[in-house]
């Protein structure tokens, strides 16, 4: 999905993404632990997301914010082409 988003953006374009945080990226709660028992979300750490964005060809990939929700947290990411 990241490679396709990169391909579709024009040079100078920006990519913004909202994603669930992985375990250990925020304060733990019962619902967060239950939610992150899913194998797909266990690998959803900030470092891995940024690495995947860079591998897709994005530049200046960074986490620009986060928000706590009942199931843990969501992270806001930004990158450019």
N, C-alpha and C. Protein backbone atom coordinates (compact mmCIF):
# COMPACT_ATOMS: atom_id res chain seq x y z
N UNK A 1 0.81 -1.16 0.00
CA UNK A 1 0.00 0.00 0.00
C UNK A 1 0.87 1.25 0.00
N UNK A 2 1.95 1.21 0.75
CA UNK A 2 2.84 2.38 0.81
C UNK A 2 3.52 2.63 -0.53
N UNK A 3 3.95 1.57 -1.21
CA UNK A 3 4.58 1.75 -2.53
C UNK A 3 3.59 2.35 -3.52
N UNK A 4 2.36 1.91 -3.47
CA UNK A 4 1.35 2.43 -4.39
C UNK A 4 1.04 3.90 -4.07
N UNK A 5 0.95 4.24 -2.81
CA UNK A 5 0.72 5.65 -2.43
C UNK A 5 1.88 6.51 -2.92
N UNK A 6 3.10 6.02 -2.77
CA UNK A 6 4.28 6.75 -3.24
C UNK A 6 4.24 6.94 -4.76
N UNK A 7 3.85 5.89 -5.47
CA UNK A 7 3.78 5.94 -6.93
C UNK A 7 2.75 6.96 -7.41
N UNK A 8 1.66 7.09 -6.69
CA UNK A 8 0.56 7.96 -7.12
C UNK A 8 0.82 9.45 -6.82
N UNK A 9 1.69 9.74 -5.87
CA UNK A 9 1.95 11.13 -5.52
C UNK A 9 2.93 11.77 -6.50
N UNK A 10 2.71 13.03 -6.78
CA UNK A 10 3.64 13.79 -7.62
C UNK A 10 4.84 14.22 -6.80
N UNK A 11 5.98 14.50 -7.44
CA UNK A 11 7.13 15.01 -6.70
C UNK A 11 6.74 16.26 -5.90
N UNK A 12 7.17 16.29 -4.66
CA UNK A 12 6.80 17.39 -3.76
C UNK A 12 5.53 17.13 -2.99
N UNK A 13 4.84 16.03 -3.33
CA UNK A 13 3.59 15.69 -2.64
C UNK A 13 3.85 15.17 -1.23
N UNK A 14 2.82 15.27 -0.40
CA UNK A 14 2.91 14.80 0.99
C UNK A 14 1.98 13.63 1.22
N UNK A 15 2.39 12.73 2.09
CA UNK A 15 1.61 11.56 2.48
C UNK A 15 1.34 11.67 3.97
N UNK A 16 0.08 11.52 4.36
CA UNK A 16 -0.31 11.55 5.77
C UNK A 16 -1.03 10.24 6.08
N UNK A 17 -0.69 9.65 7.22
CA UNK A 17 -1.26 8.36 7.58
C UNK A 17 -1.58 8.31 9.07
N UNK A 18 -2.70 7.71 9.39
CA UNK A 18 -3.12 7.45 10.76
C UNK A 18 -3.08 5.94 10.93
N UNK A 19 -2.44 5.45 12.00
CA UNK A 19 -2.30 4.01 12.18
C UNK A 19 -2.34 3.67 13.66
N UNK A 20 -2.83 2.47 13.98
CA UNK A 20 -2.81 2.01 15.36
C UNK A 20 -1.36 1.85 15.81
N UNK A 21 -1.08 2.24 17.04
CA UNK A 21 0.28 2.06 17.57
C UNK A 21 0.49 0.61 17.97
N UNK A 22 1.73 0.20 17.92
CA UNK A 22 2.09 -1.14 18.34
C UNK A 22 2.23 -1.21 19.84
N UNK A 23 2.35 -2.41 20.39
CA UNK A 23 2.53 -2.55 21.83
C UNK A 23 3.85 -1.90 22.26
N UNK A 24 3.83 -1.24 23.36
CA UNK A 24 5.03 -0.58 23.86
C UNK A 24 5.18 0.85 23.39
N UNK A 25 4.33 1.31 22.47
CA UNK A 25 4.40 2.69 22.00
C UNK A 25 3.58 3.65 22.87
N UNK A 26 2.80 3.13 23.76
CA UNK A 26 1.97 3.97 24.62
C UNK A 26 1.69 3.28 25.93
N UNK A 27 0.97 3.93 26.84
CA UNK A 27 0.67 3.31 28.13
C UNK A 27 -0.25 2.10 27.94
N UNK A 28 0.07 0.97 28.60
CA UNK A 28 -0.73 -0.23 28.42
C UNK A 28 -2.08 -0.12 29.16
N UNK A 29 -3.10 -0.73 28.58
CA UNK A 29 -4.39 -0.86 29.24
C UNK A 29 -4.92 -2.24 28.92
N UNK A 30 -5.96 -2.67 29.61
CA UNK A 30 -6.51 -4.00 29.36
C UNK A 30 -6.93 -4.15 27.91
N UNK A 31 -7.68 -3.17 27.40
CA UNK A 31 -8.13 -3.25 26.01
C UNK A 31 -6.97 -3.21 25.03
N UNK A 32 -5.95 -2.41 25.34
CA UNK A 32 -4.78 -2.35 24.46
C UNK A 32 -4.08 -3.70 24.41
N UNK A 33 -3.94 -4.36 25.55
CA UNK A 33 -3.30 -5.68 25.58
C UNK A 33 -4.12 -6.70 24.79
N UNK A 34 -5.44 -6.65 24.94
CA UNK A 34 -6.31 -7.55 24.21
C UNK A 34 -6.23 -7.28 22.70
N UNK A 35 -6.28 -6.03 22.33
CA UNK A 35 -6.23 -5.62 20.94
C UNK A 35 -4.90 -6.00 20.30
N UNK A 36 -3.80 -5.84 21.03
CA UNK A 36 -2.48 -6.11 20.48
C UNK A 36 -2.08 -7.58 20.56
N UNK A 37 -3.00 -8.43 21.03
CA UNK A 37 -2.71 -9.86 20.99
C UNK A 37 -2.76 -10.37 19.55
N UNK A 38 -3.33 -9.59 18.64
CA UNK A 38 -3.35 -9.92 17.22
C UNK A 38 -1.92 -9.82 16.69
N UNK A 39 -1.45 -10.87 16.02
CA UNK A 39 -0.06 -10.91 15.55
C UNK A 39 0.28 -9.74 14.63
N UNK A 40 -0.66 -9.31 13.78
CA UNK A 40 -0.39 -8.21 12.86
C UNK A 40 -0.06 -6.92 13.59
N UNK A 41 -0.71 -6.67 14.71
CA UNK A 41 -0.47 -5.43 15.42
C UNK A 41 0.76 -5.49 16.32
N UNK A 42 1.24 -6.68 16.63
CA UNK A 42 2.44 -6.79 17.45
C UNK A 42 3.65 -6.22 16.75
N UNK A 43 3.64 -6.21 15.43
CA UNK A 43 4.77 -5.71 14.66
C UNK A 43 4.56 -4.27 14.20
N UNK A 44 3.61 -3.58 14.80
CA UNK A 44 3.23 -2.24 14.36
C UNK A 44 3.93 -1.14 15.17
N UNK A 45 5.20 -1.31 15.42
CA UNK A 45 5.94 -0.33 16.20
C UNK A 45 6.27 0.90 15.34
N UNK A 46 6.54 2.00 15.99
CA UNK A 46 6.89 3.23 15.28
C UNK A 46 8.09 3.02 14.36
N UNK A 47 9.12 2.37 14.86
CA UNK A 47 10.32 2.14 14.06
C UNK A 47 10.05 1.32 12.82
N UNK A 48 9.21 0.31 12.94
CA UNK A 48 8.89 -0.54 11.78
C UNK A 48 8.07 0.24 10.75
N UNK A 49 7.08 1.01 11.21
CA UNK A 49 6.26 1.79 10.28
C UNK A 49 7.14 2.78 9.52
N UNK A 50 8.03 3.48 10.22
CA UNK A 50 8.91 4.44 9.56
C UNK A 50 9.84 3.75 8.58
N UNK A 51 10.33 2.58 8.95
CA UNK A 51 11.21 1.81 8.06
C UNK A 51 10.46 1.41 6.78
N UNK A 52 9.22 0.95 6.91
CA UNK A 52 8.43 0.57 5.74
C UNK A 52 8.15 1.78 4.85
N UNK A 53 7.93 2.93 5.44
CA UNK A 53 7.70 4.15 4.65
C UNK A 53 8.95 4.50 3.85
N UNK A 54 10.11 4.39 4.48
CA UNK A 54 11.36 4.70 3.79
C UNK A 54 11.64 3.68 2.69
N UNK A 55 11.36 2.39 2.95
CA UNK A 55 11.56 1.36 1.94
C UNK A 55 10.66 1.58 0.73
N UNK A 56 9.50 2.19 0.94
CA UNK A 56 8.57 2.48 -0.15
C UNK A 56 9.02 3.69 -0.96
N UNK A 57 10.06 4.39 -0.49
CA UNK A 57 10.59 5.52 -1.23
C UNK A 57 10.26 6.89 -0.68
N UNK A 58 9.54 6.94 0.44
CA UNK A 58 9.20 8.23 1.03
C UNK A 58 10.42 8.87 1.67
N UNK A 59 10.43 10.19 1.67
CA UNK A 59 11.49 10.96 2.32
C UNK A 59 10.92 11.65 3.55
N UNK A 60 11.78 11.98 4.49
CA UNK A 60 11.40 12.71 5.70
C UNK A 60 10.26 12.05 6.45
N UNK A 61 10.23 10.72 6.46
CA UNK A 61 9.19 10.00 7.19
C UNK A 61 9.35 10.25 8.68
N UNK A 62 8.25 10.62 9.33
CA UNK A 62 8.31 10.89 10.77
C UNK A 62 6.94 10.73 11.40
N UNK A 63 6.96 10.45 12.69
CA UNK A 63 5.74 10.42 13.48
C UNK A 63 5.50 11.84 13.96
N UNK A 64 4.32 12.39 13.67
CA UNK A 64 4.06 13.78 14.00
C UNK A 64 3.06 13.96 15.13
N UNK A 65 2.53 12.87 15.66
CA UNK A 65 1.61 12.98 16.78
C UNK A 65 1.05 11.63 17.18
N UNK A 66 0.30 11.65 18.28
CA UNK A 66 -0.36 10.43 18.76
C UNK A 66 -1.57 10.84 19.57
N UNK A 67 -2.50 9.92 19.69
CA UNK A 67 -3.69 10.15 20.50
C UNK A 67 -4.07 8.85 21.17
N UNK A 68 -4.42 8.93 22.43
CA UNK A 68 -4.86 7.74 23.16
C UNK A 68 -6.34 7.50 22.90
N UNK A 69 -6.67 6.22 22.69
CA UNK A 69 -8.05 5.78 22.55
C UNK A 69 -8.23 4.55 23.42
N UNK A 70 -9.44 4.03 23.52
CA UNK A 70 -9.72 2.89 24.40
C UNK A 70 -8.86 1.67 24.10
N UNK A 71 -8.54 1.45 22.86
CA UNK A 71 -7.77 0.26 22.47
C UNK A 71 -6.27 0.50 22.47
N UNK A 72 -5.80 1.59 23.01
CA UNK A 72 -4.37 1.88 23.05
C UNK A 72 -4.08 3.26 22.54
N UNK A 73 -3.63 3.36 21.32
CA UNK A 73 -3.32 4.67 20.76
C UNK A 73 -3.25 4.62 19.25
N UNK A 74 -3.35 5.79 18.66
CA UNK A 74 -3.16 5.91 17.22
C UNK A 74 -2.03 6.91 17.00
N UNK A 75 -1.27 6.66 15.98
CA UNK A 75 -0.13 7.52 15.64
C UNK A 75 -0.39 8.20 14.31
N UNK A 76 0.10 9.42 14.19
CA UNK A 76 -0.01 10.19 12.97
C UNK A 76 1.38 10.28 12.34
N UNK A 77 1.46 9.89 11.08
CA UNK A 77 2.73 9.88 10.36
C UNK A 77 2.64 10.81 9.15
N UNK A 78 3.80 11.31 8.76
CA UNK A 78 3.88 12.21 7.60
C UNK A 78 5.17 11.90 6.85
N UNK A 79 5.12 12.01 5.52
CA UNK A 79 6.32 11.82 4.68
C UNK A 79 6.09 12.58 3.38
N UNK A 80 7.16 12.70 2.60
CA UNK A 80 7.05 13.41 1.33
C UNK A 80 7.69 12.60 0.21
N UNK A 81 7.37 13.01 -1.02
CA UNK A 81 7.92 12.36 -2.22
C UNK A 81 8.93 13.29 -2.84
